[in-house]
Amino acid sequence: MSLDLPPDIAALRLCDAVLLGMAWDALTSDFRVALQLGDKKHVTLVFRWASDLRIDLAFPRTPLGVRRAGPAMTSDVAFSHLDCNRWKAVFDFGSQGVIQLEFDDVCVA
């Protein structure tokens, strides 16, 4: 893998994206994140050979005890290159939390 993100990933505007879902494939160690981008386009990012996955999201109740109806929305998504041709991704959902992981490659499904 090159030292740069694939052009189709680098071109995505991942800030202010709504989290639609996520899935782990235990057989391939792939992690999928489904998002609705700000332009309403739906994309699924597939992180190949994912590891060190941390999901810390909170959907608190309102003061009246009603379930929170709002979606988890990214405030920032950062990619950084690690040693051994691996990458780290951090999805920051502001006060709702974070998803972070390391991976070998990423593509749009």
PDB file of N, CA and C in Angstrom:
ATOM      1  N   MET A   1       0.844  -1.177   0.000  1.00  0.00           N
ATOM      2  CA  MET A   1       0.000   0.000   0.000  1.00  0.00           C
ATOM      3  C   MET A   1       0.880   1.226   0.000  1.00  0.00           C
ATOM      4  N   SER A   2       0.495   2.226  -0.732  1.00  0.00           N
ATOM      5  CA  SER A   2       1.291   3.449  -0.793  1.00  0.00           C
ATOM      6  C   SER A   2       1.147   4.227   0.506  1.00  0.00           C
ATOM      7  N   LEU A   3       1.938   5.281   0.643  1.00  0.00           N
ATOM      8  CA  LEU A   3       1.894   6.102   1.841  1.00  0.00           C
ATOM      9  C   LEU A   3       0.719   7.069   1.823  1.00  0.00           C
ATOM     10  N   ASP A   4      -0.038   7.123   0.739  1.00  0.00           N
ATOM     11  CA  ASP A   4      -1.185   8.005   0.632  1.00  0.00           C
ATOM     12  C   ASP A   4      -2.469   7.193   0.677  1.00  0.00           C
ATOM     13  N   LEU A   5      -3.520   7.842   1.186  1.00  0.00           N
ATOM     14  CA  LEU A   5      -4.833   7.203   1.141  1.00  0.00           C
ATOM     15  C   LEU A   5      -5.281   7.065  -0.296  1.00  0.00           C
ATOM     16  N   PRO A   6      -6.080   6.054  -0.600  1.00  0.00           N
ATOM     17  CA  PRO A   6      -6.623   5.945  -1.955  1.00  0.00           C
ATOM     18  C   PRO A   6      -7.400   7.221  -2.309  1.00  0.00           C
ATOM     19  N   PRO A   7      -7.328   7.659  -3.561  1.00  0.00           N
ATOM     20  CA  PRO A   7      -7.978   8.921  -3.953  1.00  0.00           C
ATOM     21  C   PRO A   7      -9.472   8.963  -3.649  1.00  0.00           C
ATOM     22  N   ASP A   8     -10.178   7.827  -3.796  1.00  0.00           N
ATOM     23  CA  ASP A   8     -11.620   7.844  -3.529  1.00  0.00           C
ATOM     24  C   ASP A   8     -11.921   8.068  -2.049  1.00  0.00           C
ATOM     25  N   ILE A   9     -11.013   7.662  -1.170  1.00  0.00           N
ATOM     26  CA  ILE A   9     -11.184   7.900   0.269  1.00  0.00           C
ATOM     27  C   ILE A   9     -10.794   9.334   0.602  1.00  0.00           C
ATOM     28  N   ALA A  10      -9.675   9.783   0.081  1.00  0.00           N
ATOM     29  CA  ALA A  10      -9.203  11.143   0.357  1.00  0.00           C
ATOM     30  C   ALA A  10     -10.201  12.196  -0.123  1.00  0.00           C
ATOM     31  N   ALA A  11     -10.963  11.888  -1.162  1.00  0.00           N
ATOM     32  CA  ALA A  11     -11.906  12.850  -1.721  1.00  0.00           C
ATOM     33  C   ALA A  11     -13.212  12.946  -0.928  1.00  0.00           C
ATOM     34  N   LEU A  12     -13.473  11.988  -0.060  1.00  0.00           N
ATOM     35  CA  LEU A  12     -14.723  12.005   0.704  1.00  0.00           C
ATOM     36  C   LEU A  12     -14.710  13.116   1.745  1.00  0.00           C
ATOM     37  N   ARG A  13     -15.849  13.770   1.893  1.00  0.00           N
ATOM     38  CA  ARG A  13     -16.021  14.771   2.957  1.00  0.00           C
ATOM     39  C   ARG A  13     -16.677  14.056   4.133  1.00  0.00           C
ATOM     40  N   LEU A  14     -15.843  13.598   5.071  1.00  0.00           N
ATOM     41  CA  LEU A  14     -16.329  12.758   6.155  1.00  0.00           C
ATOM     42  C   LEU A  14     -16.779  13.533   7.384  1.00  0.00           C
ATOM     43  N   CYS A  15     -16.513  14.839   7.417  1.00  0.00           N
ATOM     44  CA  CYS A  15     -16.977  15.665   8.523  1.00  0.00           C
ATOM     45  C   CYS A  15     -18.485  15.863   8.367  1.00  0.00           C
ATOM     46  N   ASP A  16     -19.203  15.852   9.463  1.00  0.00           N
ATOM     47  CA  ASP A  16     -20.667  16.002   9.483  1.00  0.00           C
ATOM     48  C   ASP A  16     -21.372  14.844   8.783  1.00  0.00           C
ATOM     49  N   ALA A  17     -20.791  13.658   8.872  1.00  0.00           N
ATOM     50  CA  ALA A  17     -21.418  12.453   8.333  1.00  0.00           C
ATOM     51  C   ALA A  17     -22.189  11.758   9.451  1.00  0.00           C
ATOM     52  N   VAL A  18     -23.315  11.193   9.105  1.00  0.00           N
ATOM     53  CA  VAL A  18     -24.159  10.484  10.068  1.00  0.00           C
ATOM     54  C   VAL A  18     -23.789   9.001  10.053  1.00  0.00           C
ATOM     55  N   LEU A  19     -23.574   8.443  11.228  1.00  0.00           N
ATOM     56  CA  LEU A  19     -23.280   7.018  11.356  1.00  0.00           C
ATOM     57  C   LEU A  19     -24.556   6.219  11.136  1.00  0.00           C
ATOM     58  N   LEU A  20     -24.571   5.391  10.098  1.00  0.00           N
ATOM     59  CA  LEU A  20     -25.731   4.554   9.792  1.00  0.00           C
ATOM     60  C   LEU A  20     -25.588   3.160  10.384  1.00  0.00           C
ATOM     61  N   GLY A  21     -24.355   2.678  10.491  1.00  0.00           N
ATOM     62  CA  GLY A  21     -24.139   1.348  11.040  1.00  0.00           C
ATOM     63  C   GLY A  21     -22.695   0.935  10.934  1.00  0.00           C
ATOM     64  N   MET A  22     -22.391  -0.199  11.565  1.00  0.00           N
ATOM     65  CA  MET A  22     -21.036  -0.751  11.510  1.00  0.00           C
ATOM     66  C   MET A  22     -21.136  -2.260  11.666  1.00  0.00           C
ATOM     67  N   ALA A  23     -20.130  -2.953  11.135  1.00  0.00           N
ATOM     68  CA  ALA A  23     -20.131  -4.416  11.200  1.00  0.00           C
ATOM     69  C   ALA A  23     -18.702  -4.932  11.233  1.00  0.00           C
ATOM     70  N   TRP A  24     -18.509  -6.012  11.969  1.00  0.00           N
ATOM     71  CA  TRP A  24     -17.211  -6.683  12.069  1.00  0.00           C
ATOM     72  C   TRP A  24     -17.329  -8.046  11.406  1.00  0.00           C
ATOM     73  N   ASP A  25     -16.379  -8.375  10.540  1.00  0.00           N
ATOM     74  CA  ASP A  25     -16.328  -9.691   9.913  1.00  0.00           C
ATOM     75  C   ASP A  25     -15.191 -10.469  10.559  1.00  0.00           C
ATOM     76  N   ALA A  26     -15.532 -11.423  11.397  1.00  0.00           N
ATOM     77  CA  ALA A  26     -14.527 -12.179  12.150  1.00  0.00           C
ATOM     78  C   ALA A  26     -13.660 -13.062  11.260  1.00  0.00           C
ATOM     79  N   LEU A  27     -14.168 -13.475  10.107  1.00  0.00           N
ATOM     80  CA  LEU A  27     -13.390 -14.338   9.219  1.00  0.00           C
ATOM     81  C   LEU A  27     -12.296 -13.583   8.483  1.00  0.00           C
ATOM     82  N   THR A  28     -12.561 -12.337   8.121  1.00  0.00           N
ATOM     83  CA  THR A  28     -11.585 -11.565   7.339  1.00  0.00           C
ATOM     84  C   THR A  28     -10.917 -10.455   8.125  1.00  0.00           C
ATOM     85  N   SER A  29     -11.388 -10.196   9.340  1.00  0.00           N
ATOM     86  CA  SER A  29     -10.929  -9.068  10.165  1.00  0.00           C
ATOM     87  C   SER A  29     -11.185  -7.725   9.491  1.00  0.00           C
ATOM     88  N   ASP A  30     -12.246  -7.667   8.698  1.00  0.00           N
ATOM     89  CA  ASP A  30     -12.660  -6.410   8.085  1.00  0.00           C
ATOM     90  C   ASP A  30     -13.675  -5.730   8.997  1.00  0.00           C
ATOM     91  N   PHE A  31     -13.599  -4.407   9.040  1.00  0.00           N
ATOM     92  CA  PHE A  31     -14.554  -3.602   9.795  1.00  0.00           C
ATOM     93  C   PHE A  31     -15.201  -2.641   8.817  1.00  0.00           C
ATOM     94  N   ARG A  32     -16.521  -2.591   8.820  1.00  0.00           N
ATOM     95  CA  ARG A  32     -17.271  -1.735   7.901  1.00  0.00           C
ATOM     96  C   ARG A  32     -17.961  -0.628   8.681  1.00  0.00           C
ATOM     97  N   VAL A  33     -17.904   0.568   8.120  1.00  0.00           N
ATOM     98  CA  VAL A  33     -18.595   1.713   8.694  1.00  0.00           C
ATOM     99  C   VAL A  33     -19.465   2.316   7.600  1.00  0.00           C
ATOM    100  N   ALA A  34     -20.776   2.334   7.830  1.00  0.00           N
ATOM    101  CA  ALA A  34     -21.720   2.918   6.874  1.00  0.00           C
ATOM    102  C   ALA A  34     -22.057   4.336   7.329  1.00  0.00           C
ATOM    103  N   LEU A  35     -21.941   5.276   6.397  1.00  0.00           N
ATOM    104  CA  LEU A  35     -22.154   6.691   6.699  1.00  0.00           C
ATOM    105  C   LEU A  35     -23.067   7.334   5.669  1.00  0.00           C
ATOM    106  N   GLN A  36     -23.791   8.357   6.119  1.00  0.00           N
ATOM    107  CA  GLN A  36     -24.496   9.237   5.194  1.00  0.00           C
ATOM    108  C   GLN A  36     -23.741  10.551   5.230  1.00  0.00           C
ATOM    109  N   LEU A  37     -23.161  10.918   4.101  1.00  0.00           N
ATOM    110  CA  LEU A  37     -22.368  12.136   4.025  1.00  0.00           C
ATOM    111  C   LEU A  37     -23.270  13.364   4.033  1.00  0.00           C
ATOM    112  N   GLY A  38     -22.664  14.531   4.155  1.00  0.00           N
ATOM    113  CA  GLY A  38     -23.417  15.777   4.186  1.00  0.00           C
ATOM    114  C   GLY A  38     -24.261  16.010   2.951  1.00  0.00           C
ATOM    115  N   ASP A  39     -23.844  15.462   1.811  1.00  0.00           N
ATOM    116  CA  ASP A  39     -24.622  15.605   0.569  1.00  0.00           C
ATOM    117  C   ASP A  39     -25.678  14.513   0.430  1.00  0.00           C
ATOM    118  N   LYS A  40     -25.929  13.776   1.512  1.00  0.00           N
ATOM    119  CA  LYS A  40     -26.928  12.695   1.599  1.00  0.00           C
ATOM    120  C   LYS A  40     -26.502  11.410   0.897  1.00  0.00           C
ATOM    121  N   LYS A  41     -25.318  11.382   0.312  1.00  0.00           N
ATOM    122  CA  LYS A  41     -24.799  10.171  -0.320  1.00  0.00           C
ATOM    123  C   LYS A  41     -24.444   9.156   0.769  1.00  0.00           C
ATOM    124  N   HIS A  42     -24.773   7.876   0.538  1.00  0.00           N
ATOM    125  CA  HIS A  42     -24.436   6.807   1.460  1.00  0.00           C
ATOM    126  C   HIS A  42     -23.152   6.122   0.987  1.00  0.00           C
ATOM    127  N   VAL A  43     -22.214   5.924   1.904  1.00  0.00           N
ATOM    128  CA  VAL A  43     -20.983   5.199   1.588  1.00  0.00           C
ATOM    129  C   VAL A  43     -20.707   4.202   2.707  1.00  0.00           C
ATOM    130  N   THR A  44     -20.044   3.131   2.344  1.00  0.00           N
ATOM    131  CA  THR A  44     -19.563   2.172   3.334  1.00  0.00           C
ATOM    132  C   THR A  44     -18.061   2.060   3.170  1.00  0.00           C
ATOM    133  N   LEU A  45     -17.336   2.373   4.225  1.00  0.00           N
ATOM    134  CA  LEU A  45     -15.885   2.225   4.239  1.00  0.00           C
ATOM    135  C   LEU A  45     -15.553   0.839   4.767  1.00  0.00           C
ATOM    136  N   VAL A  46     -14.692   0.127   4.049  1.00  0.00           N
ATOM    137  CA  VAL A  46     -14.263  -1.209   4.465  1.00  0.00           C
ATOM    138  C   VAL A  46     -12.795  -1.127   4.849  1.00  0.00           C
ATOM    139  N   PHE A  47     -12.521  -1.378   6.115  1.00  0.00           N
ATOM    140  CA  PHE A  47     -11.157  -1.351   6.643  1.00  0.00           C
ATOM    141  C   PHE A  47     -10.651  -2.782   6.678  1.00  0.00           C
ATOM    142  N   ARG A  48      -9.642  -3.081   5.867  1.00  0.00           N
ATOM    143  CA  ARG A  48      -9.103  -4.440   5.744  1.00  0.00           C
ATOM    144  C   ARG A  48      -8.088  -4.723   6.858  1.00  0.00           C
ATOM    145  N   TRP A  49      -8.142  -5.925   7.377  1.00  0.00           N
ATOM    146  CA  TRP A  49      -7.252  -6.378   8.453  1.00  0.00           C
ATOM    147  C   TRP A  49      -7.237  -5.370   9.602  1.00  0.00           C
ATOM    148  N   ALA A  50      -8.429  -5.049  10.065  1.00  0.00           N
ATOM    149  CA  ALA A  50      -8.580  -4.102  11.167  1.00  0.00           C
ATOM    150  C   ALA A  50      -8.147  -4.733  12.488  1.00  0.00           C
ATOM    151  N   SER A  51      -7.620  -3.903  13.359  1.00  0.00           N
ATOM    152  CA  SER A  51      -7.234  -4.352  14.702  1.00  0.00           C
ATOM    153  C   SER A  51      -7.308  -3.148  15.642  1.00  0.00           C
ATOM    154  N   ASP A  52      -7.082  -3.407  16.901  1.00  0.00           N
ATOM    155  CA  ASP A  52      -7.073  -2.351  17.919  1.00  0.00           C
ATOM    156  C   ASP A  52      -8.329  -1.487  17.833  1.00  0.00           C
ATOM    157  N   LEU A  53      -9.446  -2.146  17.574  1.00  0.00           N
ATOM    158  CA  LEU A  53     -10.721  -1.462  17.427  1.00  0.00           C
ATOM    159  C   LEU A  53     -11.232  -1.006  18.785  1.00  0.00           C
ATOM    160  N   ARG A  54     -11.614   0.253  18.849  1.00  0.00           N
ATOM    161  CA  ARG A  54     -12.208   0.825  20.060  1.00  0.00           C
ATOM    162  C   ARG A  54     -13.472   1.569  19.652  1.00  0.00           C
ATOM    163  N   ILE A  55     -14.583   1.164  20.223  1.00  0.00           N
ATOM    164  CA  ILE A  55     -15.854   1.831  19.973  1.00  0.00           C
ATOM    165  C   ILE A  55     -16.355   2.343  21.318  1.00  0.00           C
ATOM    166  N   ASP A  56     -16.474   3.652  21.428  1.00  0.00           N
ATOM    167  CA  ASP A  56     -16.914   4.277  22.673  1.00  0.00           C
ATOM    168  C   ASP A  56     -17.939   5.342  22.308  1.00  0.00           C
ATOM    169  N   LEU A  57     -19.192   4.910  22.171  1.00  0.00           N
ATOM    170  CA  LEU A  57     -20.277   5.815  21.801  1.00  0.00           C
ATOM    171  C   LEU A  57     -21.335   5.823  22.888  1.00  0.00           C
ATOM    172  N   ALA A  58     -21.869   6.991  23.177  1.00  0.00           N
ATOM    173  CA  ALA A  58     -22.910   7.132  24.185  1.00  0.00           C
ATOM    174  C   ALA A  58     -24.128   7.821  23.572  1.00  0.00           C
ATOM    175  N   PHE A  59     -25.277   7.275  23.858  1.00  0.00           N
ATOM    176  CA  PHE A  59     -26.541   7.856  23.426  1.00  0.00           C
ATOM    177  C   PHE A  59     -27.385   8.084  24.680  1.00  0.00           C
ATOM    178  N   PRO A  60     -27.082   9.162  25.412  1.00  0.00           N
ATOM    179  CA  PRO A  60     -27.751   9.375  26.702  1.00  0.00           C
ATOM    180  C   PRO A  60     -29.217   9.766  26.551  1.00  0.00           C
ATOM    181  N   ARG A  61     -29.953   9.537  27.613  1.00  0.00           N
ATOM    182  CA  ARG A  61     -31.345   9.972  27.659  1.00  0.00           C
ATOM    183  C   ARG A  61     -31.381  11.478  27.928  1.00  0.00           C
ATOM    184  N   THR A  62     -32.440  12.094  27.508  1.00  0.00           N
ATOM    185  CA  THR A  62     -32.623  13.520  27.792  1.00  0.00           C
ATOM    186  C   THR A  62     -32.964  13.673  29.267  1.00  0.00           C
ATOM    187  N   PRO A  63     -32.937  14.900  29.791  1.00  0.00           N
ATOM    188  CA  PRO A  63     -33.276  15.093  31.210  1.00  0.00           C
ATOM    189  C   PRO A  63     -34.655  14.559  31.591  1.00  0.00           C
ATOM    190  N   LEU A  64     -35.574  14.483  30.634  1.00  0.00           N
ATOM    191  CA  LEU A  64     -36.912  13.969  30.927  1.00  0.00           C
ATOM    192  C   LEU A  64     -36.985  12.445  30.805  1.00  0.00           C
ATOM    193  N   GLY A  65     -35.861  11.802  30.531  1.00  0.00           N
ATOM    194  CA  GLY A  65     -35.824  10.353  30.445  1.00  0.00           C
ATOM    195  C   GLY A  65     -36.212   9.792  29.090  1.00  0.00           C
ATOM    196  N   VAL A  66     -36.406  10.659  28.123  1.00  0.00           N
ATOM    197  CA  VAL A  66     -36.758  10.219  26.777  1.00  0.00           C
ATOM    198  C   VAL A  66     -35.487   9.819  26.049  1.00  0.00           C
ATOM    199  N   ARG A  67     -35.569   8.753  25.285  1.00  0.00           N
ATOM    200  CA  ARG A  67     -34.386   8.320  24.537  1.00  0.00           C
ATOM    201  C   ARG A  67     -33.944   9.395  23.567  1.00  0.00           C
ATOM    202  N   ARG A  68     -32.660   9.503  23.397  1.00  0.00           N
ATOM    203  CA  ARG A  68     -32.093  10.460  22.455  1.00  0.00           C
ATOM    204  C   ARG A  68     -32.436  10.013  21.039  1.00  0.00           C
ATOM    205  N   ALA A  69     -33.014  10.902  20.247  1.00  0.00           N
ATOM    206  CA  ALA A  69     -33.441  10.540  18.898  1.00  0.00           C
ATOM    207  C   ALA A  69     -32.434  10.956  17.839  1.00  0.00           C
ATOM    208  N   GLY A  70     -31.512  11.827  18.185  1.00  0.00           N
ATOM    209  CA  GLY A  70     -30.565  12.340  17.202  1.00  0.00           C
ATOM    210  C   GLY A  70     -29.510  11.325  16.808  1.00  0.00           C
ATOM    211  N   PRO A  71     -29.013  11.439  15.593  1.00  0.00           N
ATOM    212  CA  PRO A  71     -27.992  10.493  15.121  1.00  0.00           C
ATOM    213  C   PRO A  71     -26.596  10.858  15.623  1.00  0.00           C
ATOM    214  N   ALA A  72     -25.699   9.885  15.579  1.00  0.00           N
ATOM    215  CA  ALA A  72     -24.287  10.156  15.837  1.00  0.00           C
ATOM    216  C   ALA A  72     -23.708  10.784  14.569  1.00  0.00           C
ATOM    217  N   MET A  73     -23.119  11.970  14.714  1.00  0.00           N
ATOM    218  CA  MET A  73     -22.591  12.694  13.561  1.00  0.00           C
ATOM    219  C   MET A  73     -21.120  13.027  13.809  1.00  0.00           C
ATOM    220  N   THR A  74     -20.297  12.791  12.794  1.00  0.00           N
ATOM    221  CA  THR A  74     -18.867  13.049  12.946  1.00  0.00           C
ATOM    222  C   THR A  74     -18.584  14.543  13.041  1.00  0.00           C
ATOM    223  N   SER A  75     -17.685  14.894  13.943  1.00  0.00           N
ATOM    224  CA  SER A  75     -17.177  16.263  13.968  1.00  0.00           C
ATOM    225  C   SER A  75     -15.818  16.311  13.273  1.00  0.00           C
ATOM    226  N   ASP A  76     -15.164  15.139  13.202  1.00  0.00           N
ATOM    227  CA  ASP A  76     -13.872  15.050  12.515  1.00  0.00           C
ATOM    228  C   ASP A  76     -13.569  13.574  12.266  1.00  0.00           C
ATOM    229  N   VAL A  77     -12.891  13.304  11.168  1.00  0.00           N
ATOM    230  CA  VAL A  77     -12.365  11.965  10.886  1.00  0.00           C
ATOM    231  C   VAL A  77     -10.918  12.159  10.463  1.00  0.00           C
ATOM    232  N   ALA A  78     -10.004  11.526  11.184  1.00  0.00           N
ATOM    233  CA  ALA A  78      -8.575  11.694  10.914  1.00  0.00           C
ATOM    234  C   ALA A  78      -7.930  10.356  10.591  1.00  0.00           C
ATOM    235  N   PHE A  79      -7.076  10.371   9.580  1.00  0.00           N
ATOM    236  CA  PHE A  79      -6.284   9.203   9.201  1.00  0.00           C
ATOM    237  C   PHE A  79      -4.815   9.535   9.435  1.00  0.00           C
ATOM    238  N   SER A  80      -4.082   8.607  10.023  1.00  0.00           N
ATOM    239  CA  SER A  80      -2.638   8.810  10.194  1.00  0.00           C
ATOM    240  C   SER A  80      -1.907   7.532   9.813  1.00  0.00           C
ATOM    241  N   HIS A  81      -0.752   7.711   9.205  1.00  0.00           N
ATOM    242  CA  HIS A  81       0.059   6.583   8.766  1.00  0.00           C
ATOM    243  C   HIS A  81       0.921   6.105   9.926  1.00  0.00           C
ATOM    244  N   LEU A  82       0.933   4.804  10.159  1.00  0.00           N
ATOM    245  CA  LEU A  82       1.727   4.199  11.218  1.00  0.00           C
ATOM    246  C   LEU A  82       2.905   3.456  10.599  1.00  0.00           C
ATOM    247  N   ASP A  83       3.751   2.921  11.438  1.00  0.00           N
ATOM    248  CA  ASP A  83       4.852   2.086  10.955  1.00  0.00           C
ATOM    249  C   ASP A  83       4.304   0.815  10.314  1.00  0.00           C
ATOM    250  N   CYS A  84       5.131   0.125   9.579  1.00  0.00           N
ATOM    251  CA  CYS A  84       4.791  -1.171   8.968  1.00  0.00           C
ATOM    252  C   CYS A  84       3.619  -1.082   7.997  1.00  0.00           C
ATOM    253  N   ASN A  85       3.500   0.036   7.291  1.00  0.00           N
ATOM    254  CA  ASN A  85       2.449   0.212   6.280  1.00  0.00           C
ATOM    255  C   ASN A  85       1.042  -0.003   6.820  1.00  0.00           C
ATOM    256  N   ARG A  86       0.809   0.419   8.046  1.00  0.00           N
ATOM    257  CA  ARG A  86      -0.538   0.376   8.631  1.00  0.00           C
ATOM    258  C   ARG A  86      -1.022   1.796   8.847  1.00  0.00           C
ATOM    259  N   TRP A  87      -2.314   1.909   9.035  1.00  0.00           N
ATOM    260  CA  TRP A  87      -2.969   3.196   9.218  1.00  0.00           C
ATOM    261  C   TRP A  87      -3.785   3.181  10.500  1.00  0.00           C
ATOM    262  N   LYS A  88      -4.104   4.371  10.978  1.00  0.00           N
ATOM    263  CA  LYS A  88      -5.022   4.537  12.099  1.00  0.00           C
ATOM    264  C   LYS A  88      -6.111   5.502  11.656  1.00  0.00           C
ATOM    265  N   ALA A  89      -7.356   5.175  11.974  1.00  0.00           N
ATOM    266  CA  ALA A  89      -8.486   6.065  11.705  1.00  0.00           C
ATOM    267  C   ALA A  89      -9.158   6.392  13.028  1.00  0.00           C
ATOM    268  N   VAL A  90      -9.529   7.660  13.192  1.00  0.00           N
ATOM    269  CA  VAL A  90     -10.257   8.102  14.375  1.00  0.00           C
ATOM    270  C   VAL A  90     -11.489   8.865  13.898  1.00  0.00           C
ATOM    271  N   PHE A  91     -12.654   8.324  14.214  1.00  0.00           N
ATOM    272  CA  PHE A  91     -13.928   8.981  13.935  1.00  0.00           C
ATOM    273  C   PHE A  91     -14.357   9.673  15.223  1.00  0.00           C
ATOM    274  N   ASP A  92     -14.360  10.982  15.224  1.00  0.00           N
ATOM    275  CA  ASP A  92     -14.728  11.761  16.404  1.00  0.00           C
ATOM    276  C   ASP A  92     -16.193  12.169  16.274  1.00  0.00           C
ATOM    277  N   PHE A  93     -17.008  11.727  17.214  1.00  0.00           N
ATOM    278  CA  PHE A  93     -18.427  12.050  17.224  1.00  0.00           C
ATOM    279  C   PHE A  93     -18.756  13.076  18.307  1.00  0.00           C
ATOM    280  N   GLY A  94     -17.800  13.955  18.600  1.00  0.00           N
ATOM    281  CA  GLY A  94     -18.015  15.006  19.600  1.00  0.00           C
ATOM    282  C   GLY A  94     -18.355  14.422  20.953  1.00  0.00           C
ATOM    283  N   SER A  95     -19.395  14.957  21.578  1.00  0.00           N
ATOM    284  CA  SER A  95     -19.766  14.505  22.923  1.00  0.00           C
ATOM    285  C   SER A  95     -20.315  13.087  22.943  1.00  0.00           C
ATOM    286  N   GLN A  96     -20.636  12.528  21.768  1.00  0.00           N
ATOM    287  CA  GLN A  96     -21.166  11.174  21.724  1.00  0.00           C
ATOM    288  C   GLN A  96     -20.074  10.107  21.739  1.00  0.00           C
ATOM    289  N   GLY A  97     -18.821  10.483  21.480  1.00  0.00           N
ATOM    290  CA  GLY A  97     -17.745   9.511  21.604  1.00  0.00           C
ATOM    291  C   GLY A  97     -16.867   9.373  20.380  1.00  0.00           C
ATOM    292  N   VAL A  98     -16.280   8.183  20.247  1.00  0.00           N
ATOM    293  CA  VAL A  98     -15.249   7.965  19.242  1.00  0.00           C
ATOM    294  C   VAL A  98     -15.253   6.502  18.783  1.00  0.00           C
ATOM    295  N   ILE A  99     -14.844   6.310  17.524  1.00  0.00           N
ATOM    296  CA  ILE A  99     -14.497   4.992  17.000  1.00  0.00           C
ATOM    297  C   ILE A  99     -13.074   5.129  16.481  1.00  0.00           C
ATOM    298  N   GLN A 100     -12.194   4.238  16.892  1.00  0.00           N
ATOM    299  CA  GLN A 100     -10.836   4.273  16.347  1.00  0.00           C
ATOM    300  C   GLN A 100     -10.357   2.854  16.088  1.00  0.00           C
ATOM    301  N   LEU A 101      -9.489   2.731  15.104  1.00  0.00           N
ATOM    302  CA  LEU A 101      -8.969   1.420  14.729  1.00  0.00           C
ATOM    303  C   LEU A 101      -7.704   1.578  13.922  1.00  0.00           C
ATOM    304  N   GLU A 102      -6.959   0.486  13.818  1.00  0.00           N
ATOM    305  CA  GLU A 102      -5.806   0.396  12.931  1.00  0.00           C
ATOM    306  C   GLU A 102      -6.172  -0.579  11.829  1.00  0.00           C
ATOM    307  N   PHE A 103      -5.555  -0.407  10.647  1.00  0.00           N
ATOM    308  CA  PHE A 103      -5.919  -1.244   9.504  1.00  0.00           C
ATOM    309  C   PHE A 103      -4.801  -1.227   8.465  1.00  0.00           C
ATOM    310  N   ASP A 104      -4.862  -2.189   7.533  1.00  0.00           N
ATOM    311  CA  ASP A 104      -3.890  -2.268   6.452  1.00  0.00           C
ATOM    312  C   ASP A 104      -4.304  -1.469   5.234  1.00  0.00           C
ATOM    313  N   ASP A 105      -5.600  -1.471   4.924  1.00  0.00           N
ATOM    314  CA  ASP A 105      -6.085  -0.825   3.709  1.00  0.00           C
ATOM    315  C   ASP A 105      -7.537  -0.431   3.920  1.00  0.00           C
ATOM    316  N   VAL A 106      -8.004   0.522   3.126  1.00  0.00           N
ATOM    317  CA  VAL A 106      -9.400   0.951   3.217  1.00  0.00           C
ATOM    318  C   VAL A 106      -9.932   1.175   1.808  1.00  0.00           C
ATOM    319  N   CYS A 107     -11.192   0.853   1.599  1.00  0.00           N
ATOM    320  CA  CYS A 107     -11.827   1.090   0.302  1.00  0.00           C
ATOM    321  C   CYS A 107     -13.283   1.450   0.532  1.00  0.00           C
ATOM    322  N   VAL A 108     -13.919   1.939  -0.503  1.00  0.00           N
ATOM    323  CA  VAL A 108     -15.349   2.213  -0.486  1.00  0.00           C
ATOM    324  C   VAL A 108     -16.060   1.026  -1.119  1.00  0.00           C
ATOM    325  N   ALA A 109     -17.029   0.466  -0.399  1.00  0.00           N
ATOM    326  CA  ALA A 109     -17.777  -0.685  -0.920  1.00  0.00           C
ATOM    327  C   ALA A 109     -18.935  -0.216  -1.771  1.00  0.00           C
TER     328      ALA A 109
END
